[in-house]
Amino acid sequence: MSTLVADGFDDAILGYLDTPGGLVVVYDKHRMIGQLMDQDCMSRGEAVEFLEFNTWGAYPGAGAPVYLERADRGIIDLLVSQREGSDD
């Protein structure tokens, strides 16, 4: 498996995951948004829309990067309870 990267977002790399299939690069979504806002003069909404369509929503195959959404325990608990509630 080849390790794939998101071109132009090296400053948003948090690290990597060492999986049984190989290394997977981990990116910080917040940093990626900020980079587009700064470098391309996009609004936050424009940056999110661009990344959702062109980067985060793409699956180029095995070795694809992971895009991390930072959250604290409270947010994690809220998301888990929402998803568990939607299974009913």
Protein backbone atom coordinates (compact mmCIF):
# COMPACT_ATOMS: atom_id res chain seq x y z
CA MET A 1 0.00 0.00 0.00
CA SER A 2 1.26 3.46 -0.88
CA THR A 3 1.03 6.23 1.70
CA LEU A 4 -0.97 9.05 0.13
CA VAL A 5 -0.74 12.74 1.09
CA ALA A 6 -2.95 15.78 0.63
CA ASP A 7 -0.83 18.01 -1.60
CA GLY A 8 -0.17 21.48 -0.26
CA PHE A 9 -1.20 20.76 3.33
CA ASP A 10 2.09 19.72 4.93
CA ASP A 11 1.64 22.34 7.68
CA ALA A 12 -1.60 20.60 8.72
CA ILE A 13 0.02 17.21 9.32
CA LEU A 14 -0.43 16.00 12.89
CA GLY A 15 1.38 12.71 12.44
CA TYR A 16 0.64 9.25 11.17
CA LEU A 17 -1.11 6.00 11.99
CA ASP A 18 0.91 2.82 11.73
CA THR A 19 -1.74 0.39 10.48
CA PRO A 20 -1.35 -3.26 9.47
CA GLY A 21 -1.68 -2.07 5.87
CA GLY A 22 0.99 0.63 6.15
CA LEU A 23 1.39 4.23 7.23
CA VAL A 24 -1.56 6.64 7.01
CA VAL A 25 -0.97 10.40 7.29
CA VAL A 26 -3.21 12.29 9.76
CA TYR A 27 -4.23 15.90 9.04
CA ASP A 28 -5.82 18.54 11.26
CA LYS A 29 -9.04 19.77 9.60
CA HIS A 30 -8.91 23.07 11.50
CA ARG A 31 -5.41 23.82 10.21
CA MET A 32 -6.44 22.95 6.66
CA ILE A 33 -9.37 25.37 6.86
CA GLY A 34 -7.13 28.10 8.27
CA GLN A 35 -4.58 27.57 5.53
CA LEU A 36 -7.16 28.07 2.78
CA MET A 37 -8.55 31.13 4.55
CA ASP A 38 -5.07 32.66 4.83
CA GLN A 39 -3.51 31.67 1.53
CA ASP A 40 -6.52 31.74 -0.79
CA CYS A 41 -8.54 34.46 0.96
CA MET A 42 -11.52 32.11 1.37
CA SER A 43 -14.19 32.59 3.99
CA ARG A 44 -14.51 29.79 6.55
CA GLY A 45 -17.62 28.51 4.74
CA GLU A 46 -15.88 28.54 1.37
CA ALA A 47 -12.86 26.70 2.77
CA VAL A 48 -15.01 24.03 4.42
CA GLU A 49 -17.09 23.55 1.27
CA PHE A 50 -13.95 23.29 -0.88
CA LEU A 51 -12.32 20.76 1.43
CA GLU A 52 -15.48 18.68 1.87
CA PHE A 53 -15.92 18.37 -1.87
CA ASN A 54 -12.32 18.13 -3.05
CA THR A 55 -10.39 16.54 -0.21
CA TRP A 56 -12.26 15.13 2.79
CA GLY A 57 -14.98 13.53 0.68
CA ALA A 58 -12.54 11.88 -1.72
CA TYR A 59 -11.37 8.33 -1.20
CA PRO A 60 -8.40 7.65 -3.44
CA GLY A 61 -7.97 4.11 -2.12
CA ALA A 62 -5.78 2.27 0.34
CA GLY A 63 -3.32 4.52 2.13
CA ALA A 64 -5.67 7.52 1.95
CA PRO A 65 -5.06 10.22 4.57
CA VAL A 66 -7.22 10.64 7.66
CA TYR A 67 -8.66 14.07 8.50
CA LEU A 68 -8.99 14.68 12.23
CA GLU A 69 -11.63 16.86 13.83
CA ARG A 70 -10.29 18.01 17.21
CA ALA A 71 -12.72 17.55 20.09
CA ASP A 72 -12.77 17.29 23.86
CA ARG A 73 -14.51 14.56 25.88
CA GLY A 74 -17.75 16.55 26.10
CA ILE A 75 -18.04 16.77 22.32
CA ILE A 76 -17.21 13.07 21.94
CA ASP A 77 -19.89 12.12 24.47
CA LEU A 78 -22.44 14.33 22.69
CA LEU A 79 -21.66 12.81 19.29
CA VAL A 80 -21.84 9.28 20.65
CA SER A 81 -25.21 9.91 22.30
CA GLN A 82 -26.57 11.49 19.10
CA ARG A 83 -25.49 8.52 17.00
CA GLU A 84 -26.82 6.00 19.48
CA GLY A 85 -30.14 7.87 19.52
CA SER A 86 -30.36 7.78 15.72
CA ASP A 87 -30.17 3.96 15.69
CA ASP A 88 -33.69 3.69 17.13
